[in-house]
């Protein structure tokens, strides 16, 4: 299939991506920023297909969150190539979900645990010796290096992602099916990990039976660790998918339910 996407289009994606975090929200985090970033590609691919454009934008408004510097850029490049080939929406969704977690860990570690502290240590050490002029100059220089390096790497990762995404999009049907399945599995693992690490719902219910102390939470953990958070997420998923509730309505409902259960001593 002849390529519709040009270097200029990818450059526009790159420029849009610089404002990825400006529309961050607790509901969908980077979703709106991602949709805006990929929009130059969608406008070209779905130029004569308004309905396809609407579906694509809606698809990219689903929850998304990763390292904005090194994670989102790779995913944007891959998604640009897949959208160009009009790949299966489930594949695109699976790629985004499956990659955003691992790339968030790698990217954030590189940014905030390695590169950032390394560069800031230079002006910081000079400031400790009371060489404030030198520290200020060093701070400006290191920030220029830091920003320049990030911009360079972002652009390279977008183009690299596009190249790899194009290879993926032109793979055989069997390969695409395996990738879709694998991406879906990874996505479920990421979601499962997020449920276990972010959501904390426990029950303080306990009783004493003839000298034996029964603790409900301990019993639940031995049978199914994190059962209560999983049930809560499944309930929210049911309301979103089957009942078509809005996120705001669900938040209010969850607030009322868990405030009541907490007051009754059922959950903590």
C-alpha atoms as a PDB file:
ATOM      1  CA  UNK A   1       0.000   0.000   0.000  1.00  0.00           C
ATOM      2  CA  UNK A   2       1.386   3.402  -0.992  1.00  0.00           C
ATOM      3  CA  UNK A   3       2.313   5.584   1.967  1.00  0.00           C
ATOM      4  CA  UNK A   4       0.032   8.550   2.632  1.00  0.00           C
ATOM      5  CA  UNK A   5       2.020   9.810   5.590  1.00  0.00           C
ATOM      6  CA  UNK A   6       4.917  12.175   4.953  1.00  0.00           C
ATOM      7  CA  UNK A   7       7.722  13.438   7.146  1.00  0.00           C
ATOM      8  CA  UNK A   8       5.794  16.708   7.428  1.00  0.00           C
ATOM      9  CA  UNK A   9       2.821  14.838   8.908  1.00  0.00           C
ATOM     10  CA  UNK A  10       5.038  13.137  11.482  1.00  0.00           C
ATOM     11  CA  UNK A  11       6.590  16.507  12.279  1.00  0.00           C
ATOM     12  CA  UNK A  12       3.120  17.892  13.017  1.00  0.00           C
ATOM     13  CA  UNK A  13       2.483  14.920  15.308  1.00  0.00           C
ATOM     14  CA  UNK A  14       5.766  15.743  17.045  1.00  0.00           C
ATOM     15  CA  UNK A  15       4.783  19.398  17.528  1.00  0.00           C
ATOM     16  CA  UNK A  16       1.320  18.484  18.820  1.00  0.00           C
ATOM     17  CA  UNK A  17       2.869  15.969  21.197  1.00  0.00           C
ATOM     18  CA  UNK A  18       4.834  18.722  22.950  1.00  0.00           C
ATOM     19  CA  UNK A  19       1.505  19.785  24.510  1.00  0.00           C
ATOM     20  CA  UNK A  20       0.460  16.226  25.398  1.00  0.00           C
ATOM     21  CA  UNK A  21       0.201  16.940  29.127  1.00  0.00           C
ATOM     22  CA  UNK A  22      -1.630  20.265  28.853  1.00  0.00           C
ATOM     23  CA  UNK A  23      -5.043  18.550  28.741  1.00  0.00           C
ATOM     24  CA  UNK A  24      -4.265  15.905  31.392  1.00  0.00           C
ATOM     25  CA  UNK A  25      -7.290  14.849  33.453  1.00  0.00           C
ATOM     26  CA  UNK A  26      -7.984  12.378  36.257  1.00  0.00           C
ATOM     27  CA  UNK A  27     -10.683  10.711  34.171  1.00  0.00           C
ATOM     28  CA  UNK A  28      -8.634   9.740  31.082  1.00  0.00           C
ATOM     29  CA  UNK A  29      -5.232  11.245  31.858  1.00  0.00           C
ATOM     30  CA  UNK A  30      -3.362  11.715  28.531  1.00  0.00           C
ATOM     31  CA  UNK A  31      -6.198  10.543  26.256  1.00  0.00           C
ATOM     32  CA  UNK A  32      -7.166  13.967  24.896  1.00  0.00           C
ATOM     33  CA  UNK A  33      -3.510  14.909  24.396  1.00  0.00           C
ATOM     34  CA  UNK A  34      -2.920  11.669  22.486  1.00  0.00           C
ATOM     35  CA  UNK A  35      -5.987  12.232  20.293  1.00  0.00           C
ATOM     36  CA  UNK A  36      -4.816  15.763  19.454  1.00  0.00           C
ATOM     37  CA  UNK A  37      -1.278  14.528  18.764  1.00  0.00           C
ATOM     38  CA  UNK A  38      -2.411  11.828  16.332  1.00  0.00           C
ATOM     39  CA  UNK A  39      -5.088  14.020  14.695  1.00  0.00           C
ATOM     40  CA  UNK A  40      -2.874  15.168  11.739  1.00  0.00           C
ATOM     41  CA  UNK A  41      -2.567  11.520  10.707  1.00  0.00           C
ATOM     42  CA  UNK A  42      -6.282  10.849  11.129  1.00  0.00           C
ATOM     43  CA  UNK A  43      -7.221  13.916   9.082  1.00  0.00           C
ATOM     44  CA  UNK A  44      -5.151  12.614   6.187  1.00  0.00           C
ATOM     45  CA  UNK A  45      -6.175   8.959   6.430  1.00  0.00           C
ATOM     46  CA  UNK A  46      -9.893   9.682   6.886  1.00  0.00           C
ATOM     47  CA  UNK A  47     -10.014  12.750   4.654  1.00  0.00           C
ATOM     48  CA  UNK A  48     -13.007  11.428   2.709  1.00  0.00           C
ATOM     49  CA  UNK A  49     -14.514   9.371   5.529  1.00  0.00           C
ATOM     50  CA  UNK A  50     -16.104  11.572   8.247  1.00  0.00           C
ATOM     51  CA  UNK A  51     -17.591   8.584  10.070  1.00  0.00           C
ATOM     52  CA  UNK A  52     -14.227   6.827  10.122  1.00  0.00           C
ATOM     53  CA  UNK A  53     -12.658  10.001  11.493  1.00  0.00           C
ATOM     54  CA  UNK A  54     -15.233  10.174  14.298  1.00  0.00           C
ATOM     55  CA  UNK A  55     -14.666   6.529  15.232  1.00  0.00           C
ATOM     56  CA  UNK A  56     -10.891   6.969  15.211  1.00  0.00           C
ATOM     57  CA  UNK A  57     -11.016  10.064  17.432  1.00  0.00           C
ATOM     58  CA  UNK A  58     -13.425   8.314  19.794  1.00  0.00           C
ATOM     59  CA  UNK A  59     -11.087   5.318  19.917  1.00  0.00           C
ATOM     60  CA  UNK A  60      -8.141   7.511  20.879  1.00  0.00           C
ATOM     61  CA  UNK A  61     -10.142   9.236  23.614  1.00  0.00           C
ATOM     62  CA  UNK A  62      -9.986   6.056  25.685  1.00  0.00           C
ATOM     63  CA  UNK A  63      -7.846   6.047  28.834  1.00  0.00           C
ATOM     64  CA  UNK A  64      -4.139   6.476  28.113  1.00  0.00           C
ATOM     65  CA  UNK A  65      -1.181   7.207  30.352  1.00  0.00           C
ATOM     66  CA  UNK A  66       2.542   6.613  29.891  1.00  0.00           C
ATOM     67  CA  UNK A  67       5.867   8.450  29.998  1.00  0.00           C
ATOM     68  CA  UNK A  68       5.118  11.588  27.925  1.00  0.00           C
ATOM     69  CA  UNK A  69       8.687  11.880  26.675  1.00  0.00           C
ATOM     70  CA  UNK A  70       9.893   8.414  25.716  1.00  0.00           C
ATOM     71  CA  UNK A  71       6.753   6.281  25.900  1.00  0.00           C
ATOM     72  CA  UNK A  72       4.071   8.288  24.114  1.00  0.00           C
ATOM     73  CA  UNK A  73       6.395   9.124  21.213  1.00  0.00           C
ATOM     74  CA  UNK A  74       7.050   5.484  20.303  1.00  0.00           C
ATOM     75  CA  UNK A  75       3.365   4.618  20.596  1.00  0.00           C
ATOM     76  CA  UNK A  76       2.355   7.639  18.496  1.00  0.00           C
ATOM     77  CA  UNK A  77       4.681   6.513  15.714  1.00  0.00           C
ATOM     78  CA  UNK A  78       3.382   2.945  15.754  1.00  0.00           C
ATOM     79  CA  UNK A  79      -0.255   4.056  15.878  1.00  0.00           C
ATOM     80  CA  UNK A  80       0.338   6.491  12.998  1.00  0.00           C
ATOM     81  CA  UNK A  81       1.510   3.605  10.811  1.00  0.00           C
ATOM     82  CA  UNK A  82      -1.357   1.349  11.878  1.00  0.00           C
ATOM     83  CA  UNK A  83      -3.953   4.059  11.274  1.00  0.00           C
ATOM     84  CA  UNK A  84      -2.447   4.700   7.845  1.00  0.00           C
ATOM     85  CA  UNK A  85      -3.002   1.041   6.964  1.00  0.00           C
ATOM     86  CA  UNK A  86      -6.468   1.137   8.610  1.00  0.00           C
ATOM     87  CA  UNK A  87      -5.506  -1.765  10.842  1.00  0.00           C
ATOM     88  CA  UNK A  88      -7.957  -3.566  13.108  1.00  0.00           C
ATOM     89  CA  UNK A  89      -9.075  -1.135  15.857  1.00  0.00           C
ATOM     90  CA  UNK A  90      -8.603  -3.901  18.431  1.00  0.00           C
ATOM     91  CA  UNK A  91      -4.949  -4.204  17.382  1.00  0.00           C
ATOM     92  CA  UNK A  92      -4.423  -0.448  17.745  1.00  0.00           C
ATOM     93  CA  UNK A  93      -6.169  -0.447  21.109  1.00  0.00           C
ATOM     94  CA  UNK A  94      -4.167  -3.467  22.260  1.00  0.00           C
ATOM     95  CA  UNK A  95      -0.843  -1.945  21.192  1.00  0.00           C
ATOM     96  CA  UNK A  96      -1.573   1.252  23.136  1.00  0.00           C
ATOM     97  CA  UNK A  97      -2.754  -0.552  26.250  1.00  0.00           C
ATOM     98  CA  UNK A  98       0.007  -3.146  26.167  1.00  0.00           C
ATOM     99  CA  UNK A  99       2.882  -0.716  25.658  1.00  0.00           C
ATOM    100  CA  UNK A 100       1.913   2.236  27.831  1.00  0.00           C
ATOM    101  CA  UNK A 101       2.690   0.494  31.141  1.00  0.00           C
ATOM    102  CA  UNK A 102       6.157  -0.937  30.361  1.00  0.00           C
ATOM    103  CA  UNK A 103       7.242   2.226  28.510  1.00  0.00           C
ATOM    104  CA  UNK A 104       6.077   4.366  31.432  1.00  0.00           C
ATOM    105  CA  UNK A 105       8.407   2.461  33.746  1.00  0.00           C
ATOM    106  CA  UNK A 106      11.369   2.633  31.366  1.00  0.00           C
ATOM    107  CA  UNK A 107      10.849   6.244  30.312  1.00  0.00           C
ATOM    108  CA  UNK A 108      10.212   7.648  33.780  1.00  0.00           C
ATOM    109  CA  UNK A 109      13.272   5.823  35.132  1.00  0.00           C
ATOM    110  CA  UNK A 110      15.483   7.275  32.416  1.00  0.00           C
ATOM    111  CA  UNK A 111      14.057  10.775  32.838  1.00  0.00           C
ATOM    112  CA  UNK A 112      13.724  11.158  36.585  1.00  0.00           C
ATOM    113  CA  UNK A 113      16.087   8.549  38.047  1.00  0.00           C
ATOM    114  CA  UNK A 114      19.065   8.783  35.670  1.00  0.00           C
ATOM    115  CA  UNK A 115      19.243  11.745  33.285  1.00  0.00           C
ATOM    116  CA  UNK A 116      17.598  14.395  35.483  1.00  0.00           C
ATOM    117  CA  UNK A 117      19.608  13.762  38.687  1.00  0.00           C
ATOM    118  CA  UNK A 118      22.821  13.374  36.667  1.00  0.00           C
ATOM    119  CA  UNK A 119      22.500  16.804  35.057  1.00  0.00           C
ATOM    120  CA  UNK A 120      21.199  18.624  38.134  1.00  0.00           C
ATOM    121  CA  UNK A 121      24.064  17.273  40.256  1.00  0.00           C
ATOM    122  CA  UNK A 122      26.536  19.528  38.408  1.00  0.00           C
ATOM    123  CA  UNK A 123      25.018  22.928  39.333  1.00  0.00           C
ATOM    124  CA  UNK A 124      23.984  21.541  42.747  1.00  0.00           C
ATOM    125  CA  UNK A 125      27.578  20.624  43.626  1.00  0.00           C
ATOM    126  CA  UNK A 126      28.767  24.074  42.517  1.00  0.00           C
ATOM    127  CA  UNK A 127      26.100  25.746  44.647  1.00  0.00           C
ATOM    128  CA  UNK A 128      27.344  23.810  47.695  1.00  0.00           C
ATOM    129  CA  UNK A 129      30.748  25.466  47.257  1.00  0.00           C
ATOM    130  CA  UNK A 130      28.978  28.866  47.137  1.00  0.00           C
ATOM    131  CA  UNK A 131      29.915  29.372  43.503  1.00  0.00           C
ATOM    132  CA  UNK A 132      26.442  30.697  42.749  1.00  0.00           C
ATOM    133  CA  UNK A 133      27.348  32.375  39.449  1.00  0.00           C
ATOM    134  CA  UNK A 134      28.938  29.191  38.181  1.00  0.00           C
ATOM    135  CA  UNK A 135      25.986  27.166  39.462  1.00  0.00           C
ATOM    136  CA  UNK A 136      23.522  29.411  37.608  1.00  0.00           C
ATOM    137  CA  UNK A 137      25.509  29.161  34.370  1.00  0.00           C
ATOM    138  CA  UNK A 138      25.828  25.388  34.798  1.00  0.00           C
ATOM    139  CA  UNK A 139      22.086  25.110  35.480  1.00  0.00           C
ATOM    140  CA  UNK A 140      21.248  26.994  32.277  1.00  0.00           C
ATOM    141  CA  UNK A 141      23.682  24.893  30.228  1.00  0.00           C
ATOM    142  CA  UNK A 142      22.461  21.581  31.657  1.00  0.00           C
ATOM    143  CA  UNK A 143      18.829  22.568  31.052  1.00  0.00           C
ATOM    144  CA  UNK A 144      19.633  23.423  27.434  1.00  0.00           C
ATOM    145  CA  UNK A 145      21.328  20.025  27.092  1.00  0.00           C
ATOM    146  CA  UNK A 146      18.408  18.291  28.806  1.00  0.00           C
ATOM    147  CA  UNK A 147      15.732  19.935  26.635  1.00  0.00           C
ATOM    148  CA  UNK A 148      17.723  19.513  23.406  1.00  0.00           C
ATOM    149  CA  UNK A 149      18.358  15.848  24.141  1.00  0.00           C
ATOM    150  CA  UNK A 150      14.692  15.220  24.910  1.00  0.00           C
ATOM    151  CA  UNK A 151      13.508  16.905  21.710  1.00  0.00           C
ATOM    152  CA  UNK A 152      16.021  14.935  19.644  1.00  0.00           C
ATOM    153  CA  UNK A 153      15.070  11.603  21.224  1.00  0.00           C
ATOM    154  CA  UNK A 154      11.336  12.323  20.935  1.00  0.00           C
ATOM    155  CA  UNK A 155      11.596  12.927  17.196  1.00  0.00           C
ATOM    156  CA  UNK A 156      13.744   9.842  16.653  1.00  0.00           C
ATOM    157  CA  UNK A 157      11.338   7.676  18.641  1.00  0.00           C
ATOM    158  CA  UNK A 158       8.325   8.893  16.649  1.00  0.00           C
ATOM    159  CA  UNK A 159      10.040   8.074  13.344  1.00  0.00           C
ATOM    160  CA  UNK A 160      11.306   4.742  14.700  1.00  0.00           C
ATOM    161  CA  UNK A 161       7.827   3.858  15.934  1.00  0.00           C
ATOM    162  CA  UNK A 162       6.366   4.727  12.530  1.00  0.00           C
ATOM    163  CA  UNK A 163       8.872   2.479  10.740  1.00  0.00           C
ATOM    164  CA  UNK A 164       8.225  -0.453  13.078  1.00  0.00           C
ATOM    165  CA  UNK A 165       4.490   0.141  12.932  1.00  0.00           C
ATOM    166  CA  UNK A 166       4.587   0.044   9.128  1.00  0.00           C
ATOM    167  CA  UNK A 167       6.390  -3.307   9.271  1.00  0.00           C
ATOM    168  CA  UNK A 168       3.780  -4.559  11.719  1.00  0.00           C
ATOM    169  CA  UNK A 169       0.875  -3.356   9.578  1.00  0.00           C
ATOM    170  CA  UNK A 170       2.174  -5.180   6.488  1.00  0.00           C
ATOM    171  CA  UNK A 171       2.791  -8.470   8.325  1.00  0.00           C
ATOM    172  CA  UNK A 172       0.883 -11.605   7.420  1.00  0.00           C
ATOM    173  CA  UNK A 173      -2.612 -12.118   8.762  1.00  0.00           C
ATOM    174  CA  UNK A 174      -1.403 -14.891  11.081  1.00  0.00           C
ATOM    175  CA  UNK A 175       1.272 -12.661  12.532  1.00  0.00           C
ATOM    176  CA  UNK A 176      -1.193  -9.824  13.032  1.00  0.00           C
ATOM    177  CA  UNK A 177      -3.533 -12.177  14.878  1.00  0.00           C
ATOM    178  CA  UNK A 178      -0.718 -13.247  17.207  1.00  0.00           C
ATOM    179  CA  UNK A 179       0.290  -9.637  17.841  1.00  0.00           C
ATOM    180  CA  UNK A 180      -3.310  -8.672  18.591  1.00  0.00           C
ATOM    181  CA  UNK A 181      -3.688 -11.580  20.997  1.00  0.00           C
ATOM    182  CA  UNK A 182      -0.348 -10.856  22.676  1.00  0.00           C
ATOM    183  CA  UNK A 183      -1.082  -7.149  22.999  1.00  0.00           C
ATOM    184  CA  UNK A 184      -4.437  -7.958  24.559  1.00  0.00           C
ATOM    185  CA  UNK A 185      -2.811 -10.274  27.118  1.00  0.00           C
ATOM    186  CA  UNK A 186      -0.188  -7.675  28.016  1.00  0.00           C
ATOM    187  CA  UNK A 187      -2.904  -5.056  28.309  1.00  0.00           C
ATOM    188  CA  UNK A 188      -4.870  -7.231  30.739  1.00  0.00           C
ATOM    189  CA  UNK A 189      -1.721  -7.821  32.804  1.00  0.00           C
ATOM    190  CA  UNK A 190      -1.099  -4.067  32.973  1.00  0.00           C
ATOM    191  CA  UNK A 191      -4.694  -3.379  34.011  1.00  0.00           C
ATOM    192  CA  UNK A 192      -4.528  -6.152  36.613  1.00  0.00           C
ATOM    193  CA  UNK A 193      -1.332  -4.696  38.036  1.00  0.00           C
ATOM    194  CA  UNK A 194      -2.887  -1.239  38.198  1.00  0.00           C
ATOM    195  CA  UNK A 195      -5.911  -2.599  40.056  1.00  0.00           C
ATOM    196  CA  UNK A 196      -3.695  -4.276  42.637  1.00  0.00           C
ATOM    197  CA  UNK A 197      -1.341  -1.343  43.158  1.00  0.00           C
ATOM    198  CA  UNK A 198      -3.657   1.677  42.898  1.00  0.00           C
ATOM    199  CA  UNK A 199      -7.008   0.580  44.349  1.00  0.00           C
ATOM    200  CA  UNK A 200      -7.046  -0.197  48.065  1.00  0.00           C
ATOM    201  CA  UNK A 201     -10.329  -1.550  49.426  1.00  0.00           C
ATOM    202  CA  UNK A 202     -10.331  -3.739  52.533  1.00  0.00           C
ATOM    203  CA  UNK A 203     -12.853  -4.854  55.126  1.00  0.00           C
ATOM    204  CA  UNK A 204     -12.307  -4.551  58.888  1.00  0.00           C
ATOM    205  CA  UNK A 205     -14.982  -7.150  59.686  1.00  0.00           C
ATOM    206  CA  UNK A 206     -13.847  -9.705  62.255  1.00  0.00           C
ATOM    207  CA  UNK A 207     -15.436 -11.936  64.875  1.00  0.00           C
ATOM    208  CA  UNK A 208     -14.474 -14.224  67.725  1.00  0.00           C
ATOM    209  CA  UNK A 209     -15.850 -17.783  67.765  1.00  0.00           C
ATOM    210  CA  UNK A 210     -15.002 -19.658  70.937  1.00  0.00           C
ATOM    211  CA  UNK A 211     -11.554 -18.168  71.207  1.00  0.00           C
ATOM    212  CA  UNK A 212     -10.897 -18.320  67.459  1.00  0.00           C
ATOM    213  CA  UNK A 213     -10.546 -14.878  65.916  1.00  0.00           C
ATOM    214  CA  UNK A 214     -11.998 -14.761  62.420  1.00  0.00           C
ATOM    215  CA  UNK A 215     -10.655 -11.911  60.238  1.00  0.00           C
ATOM    216  CA  UNK A 216     -12.607 -11.658  56.994  1.00  0.00           C
ATOM    217  CA  UNK A 217      -9.899  -9.732  55.090  1.00  0.00           C
ATOM    218  CA  UNK A 218      -7.259 -12.367  55.908  1.00  0.00           C
ATOM    219  CA  UNK A 219      -9.583 -15.111  54.671  1.00  0.00           C
ATOM    220  CA  UNK A 220     -10.318 -13.227  51.447  1.00  0.00           C
ATOM    221  CA  UNK A 221      -6.607 -12.622  50.840  1.00  0.00           C
ATOM    222  CA  UNK A 222      -5.853 -16.330  51.253  1.00  0.00           C
ATOM    223  CA  UNK A 223      -8.548 -17.250  48.719  1.00  0.00           C
ATOM    224  CA  UNK A 224      -8.330 -14.347  46.251  1.00  0.00           C
ATOM    225  CA  UNK A 225      -5.898 -11.475  46.969  1.00  0.00           C
ATOM    226  CA  UNK A 226      -7.308  -8.040  46.063  1.00  0.00           C
ATOM    227  CA  UNK A 227     -10.797  -9.493  45.582  1.00  0.00           C
ATOM    228  CA  UNK A 228     -12.629  -6.356  46.749  1.00  0.00           C
ATOM    229  CA  UNK A 229     -10.758  -3.994  44.362  1.00  0.00           C
ATOM    230  CA  UNK A 230     -11.404  -6.422  41.488  1.00  0.00           C
ATOM    231  CA  UNK A 231     -15.126  -6.569  42.288  1.00  0.00           C
ATOM    232  CA  UNK A 232     -15.278  -2.776  42.457  1.00  0.00           C
ATOM    233  CA  UNK A 233     -13.566  -2.439  39.064  1.00  0.00           C
ATOM    234  CA  UNK A 234     -15.846  -5.052  37.493  1.00  0.00           C
ATOM    235  CA  UNK A 235     -18.841  -3.157  38.855  1.00  0.00           C
ATOM    236  CA  UNK A 236     -17.596   0.111  37.357  1.00  0.00           C
ATOM    237  CA  UNK A 237     -16.860  -1.653  34.056  1.00  0.00           C
ATOM    238  CA  UNK A 238     -20.415  -3.024  33.992  1.00  0.00           C
ATOM    239  CA  UNK A 239     -21.865   0.441  34.559  1.00  0.00           C
ATOM    240  CA  UNK A 240     -19.670   1.966  31.855  1.00  0.00           C
ATOM    241  CA  UNK A 241     -20.129  -0.691  29.200  1.00  0.00           C
ATOM    242  CA  UNK A 242     -23.584  -2.120  29.775  1.00  0.00           C
ATOM    243  CA  UNK A 243     -25.469   0.656  31.556  1.00  0.00           C
ATOM    244  CA  UNK A 244     -23.730   3.492  29.625  1.00  0.00           C
ATOM    245  CA  UNK A 245     -23.236   5.555  32.775  1.00  0.00           C
ATOM    246  CA  UNK A 246     -21.040   8.643  32.557  1.00  0.00           C
ATOM    247  CA  UNK A 247     -17.762   8.690  34.569  1.00  0.00           C
ATOM    248  CA  UNK A 248     -19.044  11.607  36.667  1.00  0.00           C
ATOM    249  CA  UNK A 249     -22.192   9.684  37.608  1.00  0.00           C
ATOM    250  CA  UNK A 250     -20.091   6.644  38.537  1.00  0.00           C
ATOM    251  CA  UNK A 251     -17.730   8.716  40.704  1.00  0.00           C
ATOM    252  CA  UNK A 252     -20.675  10.182  42.622  1.00  0.00           C
ATOM    253  CA  UNK A 253     -22.235   6.732  42.995  1.00  0.00           C
ATOM    254  CA  UNK A 254     -18.959   5.194  44.244  1.00  0.00           C
ATOM    255  CA  UNK A 255     -18.498   8.074  46.686  1.00  0.00           C
ATOM    256  CA  UNK A 256     -21.954   7.556  48.186  1.00  0.00           C
ATOM    257  CA  UNK A 257     -21.642   3.747  48.340  1.00  0.00           C
ATOM    258  CA  UNK A 258     -18.190   3.588  49.909  1.00  0.00           C
ATOM    259  CA  UNK A 259     -18.845   6.481  52.289  1.00  0.00           C
ATOM    260  CA  UNK A 260     -21.917   4.610  53.533  1.00  0.00           C
ATOM    261  CA  UNK A 261     -20.096   1.260  53.750  1.00  0.00           C
ATOM    262  CA  UNK A 262     -17.201   2.936  55.548  1.00  0.00           C
ATOM    263  CA  UNK A 263     -19.537   4.567  58.077  1.00  0.00           C
ATOM    264  CA  UNK A 264     -21.134   1.160  58.732  1.00  0.00           C
ATOM    265  CA  UNK A 265     -17.713  -0.407  59.259  1.00  0.00           C
ATOM    266  CA  UNK A 266     -18.034  -2.771  56.306  1.00  0.00           C
ATOM    267  CA  UNK A 267     -15.090  -1.452  54.271  1.00  0.00           C
ATOM    268  CA  UNK A 268     -12.005   0.549  55.126  1.00  0.00           C
END
